[in-house]
Amino acid sequence: MTLLIRPAEAADVPIIAELIRGLARFEKMEDEVTMTEERLAENLFGQRRYAETLLAEEDGTSVGFALFFHNFSTFLGLPGVYLEDLFVVPEHRGRGIGRALLRQLARVARDRGCGRLEWSVLDWNRDAIGFYERLGARPNSEWTVYRLTGEALSALGRE
């Protein structure tokens, strides 16, 4: 097995889209996916790039991805990296692919002078929680994530 972790390119949009759909199936959230390849291409590789993607390839086949973007810590006065999605195709799990993706993302954060790498995990995903904790990650249980979407976001923006 030859594993390669590399930055995604615009030609990889169909692969990224399929991996996102795979993640949504795993998380039982397929009905929430409204992403299109066109929208993904524009926002990942267009004039303003809102996020970046690392692809994991095993013997030339894409088997996982990490999609991330920068945030900023006012307390540290430093940028950070927020991992939006990490996914490895189920039949390729247990081979170190997730760890390799996170290792490369940690290198990106370090090389860019970031003060932290953070992400959210679904409470029911015990396998992922155990994996993250084995890497040394700890939950930030003092904070609750809030989100505005859809009509609530639009309504607030109209005020």
N, C-alpha and C. Protein backbone atom coordinates (compact mmCIF):
# COMPACT_ATOMS: atom_id res chain seq x y z
N MET A 1 0.84 -1.19 0.00
CA MET A 1 0.00 0.00 0.00
C MET A 1 0.88 1.24 0.00
N THR A 2 0.64 2.11 -0.95
CA THR A 2 1.33 3.40 -1.00
C THR A 2 0.31 4.48 -0.70
N LEU A 3 0.56 5.24 0.37
CA LEU A 3 -0.35 6.30 0.77
C LEU A 3 0.27 7.64 0.44
N LEU A 4 -0.52 8.50 -0.20
CA LEU A 4 -0.09 9.85 -0.54
C LEU A 4 -1.12 10.82 0.01
N ILE A 5 -0.66 11.83 0.74
CA ILE A 5 -1.51 12.93 1.20
C ILE A 5 -1.08 14.14 0.39
N ARG A 6 -2.04 14.75 -0.32
CA ARG A 6 -1.69 15.88 -1.17
C ARG A 6 -2.79 16.93 -1.15
N PRO A 7 -2.42 18.19 -1.45
CA PRO A 7 -3.45 19.22 -1.58
C PRO A 7 -4.32 18.93 -2.80
N ALA A 8 -5.61 19.12 -2.65
CA ALA A 8 -6.54 18.92 -3.76
C ALA A 8 -6.37 20.03 -4.78
N GLU A 9 -6.71 19.72 -6.02
CA GLU A 9 -6.69 20.66 -7.13
C GLU A 9 -8.10 20.78 -7.70
N ALA A 10 -8.31 21.76 -8.53
CA ALA A 10 -9.64 21.99 -9.10
C ALA A 10 -10.18 20.74 -9.81
N ALA A 11 -9.33 19.99 -10.45
CA ALA A 11 -9.78 18.78 -11.15
C ALA A 11 -10.29 17.71 -10.19
N ASP A 12 -10.02 17.86 -8.90
CA ASP A 12 -10.44 16.89 -7.90
C ASP A 12 -11.84 17.15 -7.36
N VAL A 13 -12.51 18.19 -7.82
CA VAL A 13 -13.84 18.53 -7.28
C VAL A 13 -14.81 17.35 -7.29
N PRO A 14 -14.93 16.58 -8.38
CA PRO A 14 -15.85 15.45 -8.33
C PRO A 14 -15.50 14.43 -7.24
N ILE A 15 -14.23 14.22 -7.01
CA ILE A 15 -13.79 13.29 -5.96
C ILE A 15 -14.14 13.86 -4.59
N ILE A 16 -13.87 15.13 -4.38
CA ILE A 16 -14.19 15.77 -3.10
C ILE A 16 -15.70 15.69 -2.85
N ALA A 17 -16.49 15.96 -3.87
CA ALA A 17 -17.94 15.91 -3.74
C ALA A 17 -18.40 14.51 -3.34
N GLU A 18 -17.83 13.49 -3.95
CA GLU A 18 -18.22 12.12 -3.62
C GLU A 18 -17.81 11.76 -2.19
N LEU A 19 -16.64 12.21 -1.76
CA LEU A 19 -16.22 11.96 -0.38
C LEU A 19 -17.13 12.69 0.61
N ILE A 20 -17.55 13.90 0.27
CA ILE A 20 -18.49 14.63 1.13
C ILE A 20 -19.81 13.86 1.23
N ARG A 21 -20.28 13.32 0.12
CA ARG A 21 -21.51 12.53 0.15
C ARG A 21 -21.32 11.27 1.00
N GLY A 22 -20.14 10.67 0.92
CA GLY A 22 -19.84 9.51 1.76
C GLY A 22 -19.85 9.86 3.23
N LEU A 23 -19.29 11.00 3.57
CA LEU A 23 -19.32 11.47 4.95
C LEU A 23 -20.76 11.69 5.41
N ALA A 24 -21.56 12.32 4.56
CA ALA A 24 -22.97 12.57 4.92
C ALA A 24 -23.72 11.26 5.13
N ARG A 25 -23.46 10.25 4.31
CA ARG A 25 -24.10 8.94 4.51
C ARG A 25 -23.70 8.37 5.86
N PHE A 26 -22.40 8.43 6.17
CA PHE A 26 -21.90 7.89 7.43
C PHE A 26 -22.54 8.60 8.63
N GLU A 27 -22.69 9.92 8.52
CA GLU A 27 -23.24 10.71 9.62
C GLU A 27 -24.77 10.73 9.62
N LYS A 28 -25.38 9.98 8.70
CA LYS A 28 -26.84 9.92 8.58
C LYS A 28 -27.44 11.31 8.36
N MET A 29 -26.78 12.08 7.50
CA MET A 29 -27.19 13.46 7.23
C MET A 29 -27.29 13.73 5.73
N GLU A 30 -27.51 12.69 4.94
CA GLU A 30 -27.55 12.87 3.48
C GLU A 30 -28.56 13.91 3.04
N ASP A 31 -29.68 14.00 3.75
CA ASP A 31 -30.74 14.93 3.36
C ASP A 31 -30.34 16.39 3.57
N GLU A 32 -29.23 16.64 4.27
CA GLU A 32 -28.77 18.00 4.50
C GLU A 32 -27.78 18.49 3.45
N VAL A 33 -27.33 17.62 2.57
CA VAL A 33 -26.33 17.99 1.56
C VAL A 33 -27.02 18.69 0.39
N THR A 34 -26.72 19.97 0.24
CA THR A 34 -27.22 20.73 -0.91
C THR A 34 -26.06 21.19 -1.80
N MET A 35 -24.87 20.77 -1.46
CA MET A 35 -23.66 21.12 -2.21
C MET A 35 -23.78 20.63 -3.64
N THR A 36 -23.28 21.44 -4.57
CA THR A 36 -23.13 21.03 -5.95
C THR A 36 -21.65 21.10 -6.30
N GLU A 37 -21.25 20.39 -7.32
CA GLU A 37 -19.85 20.46 -7.74
C GLU A 37 -19.49 21.87 -8.19
N GLU A 38 -20.41 22.56 -8.83
CA GLU A 38 -20.15 23.93 -9.28
C GLU A 38 -19.89 24.85 -8.08
N ARG A 39 -20.74 24.75 -7.06
CA ARG A 39 -20.57 25.57 -5.86
C ARG A 39 -19.27 25.23 -5.14
N LEU A 40 -18.97 23.94 -5.08
CA LEU A 40 -17.74 23.50 -4.44
C LEU A 40 -16.53 24.04 -5.19
N ALA A 41 -16.54 23.95 -6.52
CA ALA A 41 -15.42 24.45 -7.33
C ALA A 41 -15.21 25.94 -7.11
N GLU A 42 -16.29 26.70 -7.11
CA GLU A 42 -16.19 28.15 -6.93
C GLU A 42 -15.62 28.51 -5.56
N ASN A 43 -16.07 27.82 -4.52
CA ASN A 43 -15.67 28.19 -3.16
C ASN A 43 -14.34 27.60 -2.71
N LEU A 44 -13.91 26.53 -3.37
CA LEU A 44 -12.60 25.95 -3.04
C LEU A 44 -11.50 26.42 -3.98
N PHE A 45 -11.85 26.73 -5.24
CA PHE A 45 -10.81 27.04 -6.22
C PHE A 45 -11.09 28.29 -7.03
N GLY A 46 -12.11 29.04 -6.67
CA GLY A 46 -12.47 30.24 -7.40
C GLY A 46 -11.63 31.44 -6.98
N GLN A 47 -12.15 32.61 -7.28
CA GLN A 47 -11.42 33.85 -6.99
C GLN A 47 -11.14 34.00 -5.49
N ARG A 48 -12.12 33.68 -4.67
CA ARG A 48 -11.93 33.71 -3.21
C ARG A 48 -12.03 32.28 -2.71
N ARG A 49 -10.96 31.78 -2.20
CA ARG A 49 -10.91 30.39 -1.74
C ARG A 49 -11.22 30.35 -0.24
N TYR A 50 -12.38 29.81 0.08
CA TYR A 50 -12.85 29.81 1.45
C TYR A 50 -12.32 28.66 2.29
N ALA A 51 -11.88 27.61 1.64
CA ALA A 51 -11.37 26.45 2.36
C ALA A 51 -10.37 25.72 1.47
N GLU A 52 -9.66 24.80 2.10
CA GLU A 52 -8.68 23.98 1.39
C GLU A 52 -8.96 22.52 1.70
N THR A 53 -8.47 21.66 0.85
CA THR A 53 -8.71 20.23 1.02
C THR A 53 -7.42 19.45 0.83
N LEU A 54 -7.20 18.50 1.73
CA LEU A 54 -6.15 17.51 1.56
C LEU A 54 -6.82 16.20 1.15
N LEU A 55 -6.26 15.53 0.18
CA LEU A 55 -6.77 14.23 -0.26
C LEU A 55 -5.80 13.14 0.16
N ALA A 56 -6.36 12.02 0.58
CA ALA A 56 -5.57 10.82 0.87
C ALA A 56 -5.79 9.85 -0.27
N GLU A 57 -4.70 9.41 -0.88
CA GLU A 57 -4.78 8.46 -1.98
C GLU A 57 -3.98 7.21 -1.61
N GLU A 58 -4.65 6.09 -1.77
CA GLU A 58 -4.00 4.80 -1.53
C GLU A 58 -3.88 4.09 -2.87
N ASP A 59 -2.64 3.88 -3.28
CA ASP A 59 -2.37 3.26 -4.59
C ASP A 59 -3.14 3.96 -5.70
N GLY A 60 -3.19 5.31 -5.65
CA GLY A 60 -3.80 6.11 -6.69
C GLY A 60 -5.31 6.31 -6.58
N THR A 61 -5.94 5.70 -5.58
CA THR A 61 -7.39 5.85 -5.39
C THR A 61 -7.65 6.75 -4.19
N SER A 62 -8.52 7.74 -4.36
CA SER A 62 -8.86 8.65 -3.26
C SER A 62 -9.69 7.90 -2.23
N VAL A 63 -9.20 7.90 -0.99
CA VAL A 63 -9.85 7.14 0.08
C VAL A 63 -10.19 7.99 1.30
N GLY A 64 -9.89 9.29 1.26
CA GLY A 64 -10.21 10.15 2.39
C GLY A 64 -9.86 11.59 2.10
N PHE A 65 -10.36 12.46 2.97
CA PHE A 65 -10.06 13.88 2.81
C PHE A 65 -10.15 14.60 4.14
N ALA A 66 -9.50 15.75 4.16
CA ALA A 66 -9.61 16.71 5.27
C ALA A 66 -9.87 18.07 4.63
N LEU A 67 -10.98 18.69 5.00
CA LEU A 67 -11.32 20.01 4.49
C LEU A 67 -11.20 20.99 5.65
N PHE A 68 -10.46 22.08 5.44
CA PHE A 68 -10.14 22.99 6.54
C PHE A 68 -10.09 24.42 6.07
N PHE A 69 -10.11 25.34 7.03
CA PHE A 69 -9.97 26.76 6.75
C PHE A 69 -9.35 27.43 7.95
N HIS A 70 -8.91 28.67 7.75
CA HIS A 70 -8.29 29.41 8.86
C HIS A 70 -9.34 30.13 9.68
N ASN A 71 -9.06 30.20 10.96
CA ASN A 71 -9.81 31.06 11.87
C ASN A 71 -8.77 31.90 12.61
N PHE A 72 -9.18 32.60 13.66
CA PHE A 72 -8.24 33.46 14.36
C PHE A 72 -8.55 33.46 15.85
N SER A 73 -7.51 33.31 16.65
CA SER A 73 -7.65 33.38 18.10
C SER A 73 -7.24 34.76 18.57
N THR A 74 -8.20 35.52 19.08
CA THR A 74 -7.87 36.84 19.61
C THR A 74 -7.01 36.71 20.86
N PHE A 75 -7.24 35.68 21.67
CA PHE A 75 -6.45 35.52 22.90
C PHE A 75 -5.00 35.19 22.59
N LEU A 76 -4.76 34.39 21.57
CA LEU A 76 -3.39 34.07 21.18
C LEU A 76 -2.79 35.13 20.26
N GLY A 77 -3.67 35.85 19.56
CA GLY A 77 -3.18 36.79 18.55
C GLY A 77 -2.58 36.06 17.36
N LEU A 78 -3.07 34.85 17.12
CA LEU A 78 -2.53 33.99 16.05
C LEU A 78 -3.65 33.36 15.24
N PRO A 79 -3.35 33.04 13.98
CA PRO A 79 -4.33 32.27 13.21
C PRO A 79 -4.40 30.84 13.75
N GLY A 80 -5.48 30.18 13.40
CA GLY A 80 -5.65 28.77 13.71
C GLY A 80 -6.18 28.06 12.49
N VAL A 81 -6.28 26.77 12.59
CA VAL A 81 -6.87 25.96 11.53
C VAL A 81 -8.09 25.28 12.12
N TYR A 82 -9.21 25.37 11.40
CA TYR A 82 -10.41 24.67 11.79
C TYR A 82 -10.65 23.55 10.78
N LEU A 83 -10.70 22.34 11.28
CA LEU A 83 -10.95 21.16 10.46
C LEU A 83 -12.46 20.98 10.36
N GLU A 84 -13.01 21.29 9.21
CA GLU A 84 -14.46 21.17 9.01
C GLU A 84 -14.87 19.71 8.86
N ASP A 85 -14.12 18.96 8.05
CA ASP A 85 -14.46 17.56 7.81
C ASP A 85 -13.21 16.72 7.68
N LEU A 86 -13.26 15.55 8.31
CA LEU A 86 -12.24 14.51 8.15
C LEU A 86 -13.01 13.23 7.87
N PHE A 87 -12.67 12.56 6.78
CA PHE A 87 -13.40 11.35 6.42
C PHE A 87 -12.47 10.39 5.72
N VAL A 88 -12.57 9.13 6.13
CA VAL A 88 -11.88 8.03 5.45
C VAL A 88 -12.95 7.02 5.07
N VAL A 89 -12.93 6.59 3.83
CA VAL A 89 -13.89 5.61 3.33
C VAL A 89 -13.86 4.40 4.29
N PRO A 90 -15.03 3.93 4.73
CA PRO A 90 -15.08 2.89 5.77
C PRO A 90 -14.18 1.68 5.52
N GLU A 91 -14.14 1.17 4.30
CA GLU A 91 -13.33 -0.03 4.05
C GLU A 91 -11.83 0.23 4.08
N HIS A 92 -11.42 1.48 4.24
CA HIS A 92 -9.99 1.81 4.32
C HIS A 92 -9.58 2.30 5.70
N ARG A 93 -10.48 2.22 6.66
CA ARG A 93 -10.18 2.66 8.02
C ARG A 93 -9.27 1.66 8.72
N GLY A 94 -8.58 2.15 9.76
CA GLY A 94 -7.71 1.28 10.54
C GLY A 94 -6.33 1.09 9.93
N ARG A 95 -6.02 1.86 8.90
CA ARG A 95 -4.72 1.73 8.21
C ARG A 95 -3.83 2.95 8.42
N GLY A 96 -4.26 3.88 9.28
CA GLY A 96 -3.44 5.06 9.54
C GLY A 96 -3.72 6.23 8.60
N ILE A 97 -4.77 6.15 7.80
CA ILE A 97 -5.05 7.21 6.83
C ILE A 97 -5.54 8.47 7.54
N GLY A 98 -6.45 8.33 8.49
CA GLY A 98 -6.92 9.49 9.24
C GLY A 98 -5.79 10.17 9.98
N ARG A 99 -4.94 9.37 10.59
CA ARG A 99 -3.78 9.92 11.30
C ARG A 99 -2.85 10.65 10.34
N ALA A 100 -2.64 10.09 9.15
CA ALA A 100 -1.77 10.74 8.15
C ALA A 100 -2.36 12.07 7.70
N LEU A 101 -3.68 12.12 7.51
CA LEU A 101 -4.33 13.38 7.13
C LEU A 101 -4.15 14.42 8.24
N LEU A 102 -4.39 14.02 9.50
CA LEU A 102 -4.23 14.96 10.61
C LEU A 102 -2.77 15.37 10.80
N ARG A 103 -1.84 14.44 10.58
CA ARG A 103 -0.42 14.78 10.69
C ARG A 103 -0.05 15.85 9.66
N GLN A 104 -0.54 15.67 8.42
CA GLN A 104 -0.24 16.67 7.40
C GLN A 104 -0.91 18.00 7.73
N LEU A 105 -2.12 17.96 8.25
CA LEU A 105 -2.81 19.19 8.63
C LEU A 105 -2.09 19.89 9.78
N ALA A 106 -1.56 19.13 10.73
CA ALA A 106 -0.77 19.71 11.81
C ALA A 106 0.48 20.39 11.26
N ARG A 107 1.08 19.79 10.25
CA ARG A 107 2.25 20.41 9.60
C ARG A 107 1.87 21.71 8.92
N VAL A 108 0.72 21.72 8.25
CA VAL A 108 0.24 22.94 7.60
C VAL A 108 0.08 24.03 8.67
N ALA A 109 -0.59 23.68 9.78
CA ALA A 109 -0.81 24.65 10.86
C ALA A 109 0.52 25.17 11.41
N ARG A 110 1.44 24.27 11.66
CA ARG A 110 2.75 24.65 12.18
C ARG A 110 3.50 25.54 11.20
N ASP A 111 3.52 25.15 9.93
CA ASP A 111 4.26 25.90 8.92
C ASP A 111 3.67 27.29 8.68
N ARG A 112 2.38 27.46 8.95
CA ARG A 112 1.72 28.75 8.76
C ARG A 112 1.67 29.58 10.04
N GLY A 113 2.34 29.11 11.09
CA GLY A 113 2.41 29.87 12.33
C GLY A 113 1.11 29.87 13.12
N CYS A 114 0.31 28.85 12.97
CA CYS A 114 -0.97 28.79 13.68
C CYS A 114 -0.78 28.35 15.13
N GLY A 115 -1.65 28.86 15.98
CA GLY A 115 -1.57 28.54 17.40
C GLY A 115 -2.41 27.34 17.81
N ARG A 116 -3.29 26.87 16.92
CA ARG A 116 -4.12 25.73 17.29
C ARG A 116 -4.76 25.10 16.05
N LEU A 117 -5.18 23.87 16.26
CA LEU A 117 -5.95 23.09 15.29
C LEU A 117 -7.15 22.58 16.06
N GLU A 118 -8.33 22.87 15.58
CA GLU A 118 -9.52 22.43 16.30
C GLU A 118 -10.60 21.95 15.35
N TRP A 119 -11.58 21.22 15.90
CA TRP A 119 -12.67 20.66 15.13
C TRP A 119 -13.78 20.26 16.08
N SER A 120 -14.90 19.88 15.51
CA SER A 120 -16.03 19.36 16.27
C SER A 120 -16.23 17.90 15.89
N VAL A 121 -16.82 17.14 16.80
CA VAL A 121 -17.13 15.74 16.52
C VAL A 121 -18.53 15.45 17.07
N LEU A 122 -19.27 14.64 16.33
CA LEU A 122 -20.60 14.26 16.79
C LEU A 122 -20.49 13.43 18.07
N ASP A 123 -21.36 13.73 19.04
CA ASP A 123 -21.31 13.05 20.34
C ASP A 123 -21.41 11.54 20.23
N TRP A 124 -22.15 11.03 19.24
CA TRP A 124 -22.36 9.60 19.12
C TRP A 124 -21.20 8.87 18.44
N ASN A 125 -20.26 9.62 17.86
CA ASN A 125 -19.17 8.99 17.10
C ASN A 125 -18.03 8.59 18.03
N ARG A 126 -18.28 7.56 18.82
CA ARG A 126 -17.31 7.11 19.84
C ARG A 126 -15.98 6.68 19.21
N ASP A 127 -16.01 6.07 18.04
CA ASP A 127 -14.75 5.66 17.40
C ASP A 127 -13.88 6.87 17.10
N ALA A 128 -14.50 7.94 16.55
CA ALA A 128 -13.74 9.15 16.23
C ALA A 128 -13.23 9.80 17.50
N ILE A 129 -14.06 9.86 18.53
CA ILE A 129 -13.64 10.47 19.80
C ILE A 129 -12.44 9.73 20.37
N GLY A 130 -12.49 8.41 20.37
CA GLY A 130 -11.35 7.63 20.85
C GLY A 130 -10.11 7.87 20.02
N PHE A 131 -10.27 7.92 18.70
CA PHE A 131 -9.15 8.19 17.79
C PHE A 131 -8.51 9.53 18.11
N TYR A 132 -9.33 10.58 18.25
CA TYR A 132 -8.81 11.92 18.53
C TYR A 132 -8.11 11.96 19.88
N GLU A 133 -8.68 11.32 20.87
CA GLU A 133 -8.07 11.34 22.20
C GLU A 133 -6.75 10.57 22.22
N ARG A 134 -6.64 9.50 21.43
CA ARG A 134 -5.36 8.79 21.33
C ARG A 134 -4.27 9.66 20.71
N LEU A 135 -4.68 10.64 19.89
CA LEU A 135 -3.71 11.57 19.30
C LEU A 135 -3.28 12.65 20.29
N GLY A 136 -3.98 12.76 21.41
CA GLY A 136 -3.67 13.79 22.39
C GLY A 136 -4.67 14.94 22.40
N ALA A 137 -5.68 14.89 21.55
CA ALA A 137 -6.70 15.94 21.53
C ALA A 137 -7.61 15.80 22.75
N ARG A 138 -8.10 16.91 23.22
CA ARG A 138 -9.00 16.94 24.38
C ARG A 138 -10.24 17.74 24.04
N PRO A 139 -11.40 17.32 24.56
CA PRO A 139 -12.62 18.08 24.28
C PRO A 139 -12.60 19.42 24.99
N ASN A 140 -13.24 20.38 24.37
CA ASN A 140 -13.37 21.71 24.96
C ASN A 140 -14.81 21.81 25.46
N SER A 141 -15.06 21.20 26.60
CA SER A 141 -16.44 21.06 27.08
C SER A 141 -17.00 22.33 27.71
N GLU A 142 -16.22 23.37 27.82
CA GLU A 142 -16.74 24.62 28.36
C GLU A 142 -17.54 25.42 27.33
N TRP A 143 -17.46 25.04 26.07
CA TRP A 143 -18.09 25.79 25.00
C TRP A 143 -19.19 24.96 24.35
N THR A 144 -20.24 25.62 23.93
CA THR A 144 -21.32 25.00 23.16
C THR A 144 -21.34 25.69 21.80
N VAL A 145 -21.38 24.90 20.75
CA VAL A 145 -21.40 25.45 19.40
C VAL A 145 -22.82 25.88 19.06
N TYR A 146 -22.97 27.08 18.54
CA TYR A 146 -24.25 27.58 18.04
C TYR A 146 -24.13 27.81 16.55
N ARG A 147 -25.27 27.74 15.86
CA ARG A 147 -25.24 27.88 14.42
C ARG A 147 -26.52 28.57 13.95
N LEU A 148 -26.36 29.51 13.04
CA LEU A 148 -27.48 30.12 12.32
C LEU A 148 -27.41 29.64 10.88
N THR A 149 -28.52 29.14 10.36
CA THR A 149 -28.57 28.71 8.96
C THR A 149 -29.93 29.09 8.38
N GLY A 150 -30.05 28.93 7.09
CA GLY A 150 -31.32 29.09 6.41
C GLY A 150 -32.03 30.39 6.71
N GLU A 151 -33.31 30.29 7.02
CA GLU A 151 -34.14 31.46 7.23
C GLU A 151 -33.70 32.27 8.45
N ALA A 152 -33.24 31.61 9.50
CA ALA A 152 -32.79 32.35 10.69
C ALA A 152 -31.59 33.25 10.34
N LEU A 153 -30.66 32.75 9.54
CA LEU A 153 -29.53 33.54 9.11
C LEU A 153 -29.98 34.68 8.22
N SER A 154 -30.84 34.39 7.27
CA SER A 154 -31.35 35.43 6.37
C SER A 154 -32.10 36.51 7.13
N ALA A 155 -32.95 36.11 8.07
CA ALA A 155 -33.75 37.06 8.83
C ALA A 155 -32.85 38.00 9.63
N LEU A 156 -31.86 37.46 10.28
CA LEU A 156 -30.95 38.30 11.07
C LEU A 156 -30.20 39.27 10.16
N GLY A 157 -29.80 38.80 9.00
CA GLY A 157 -29.09 39.66 8.05
C GLY A 157 -29.96 40.77 7.47
N ARG A 158 -31.25 40.60 7.49
CA ARG A 158 -32.16 41.61 6.97
C ARG A 158 -32.47 42.69 8.00
N GLU A 159 -32.19 42.44 9.26
CA GLU A 159 -32.53 43.43 10.30
C GLU A 159 -31.76 44.71 10.14
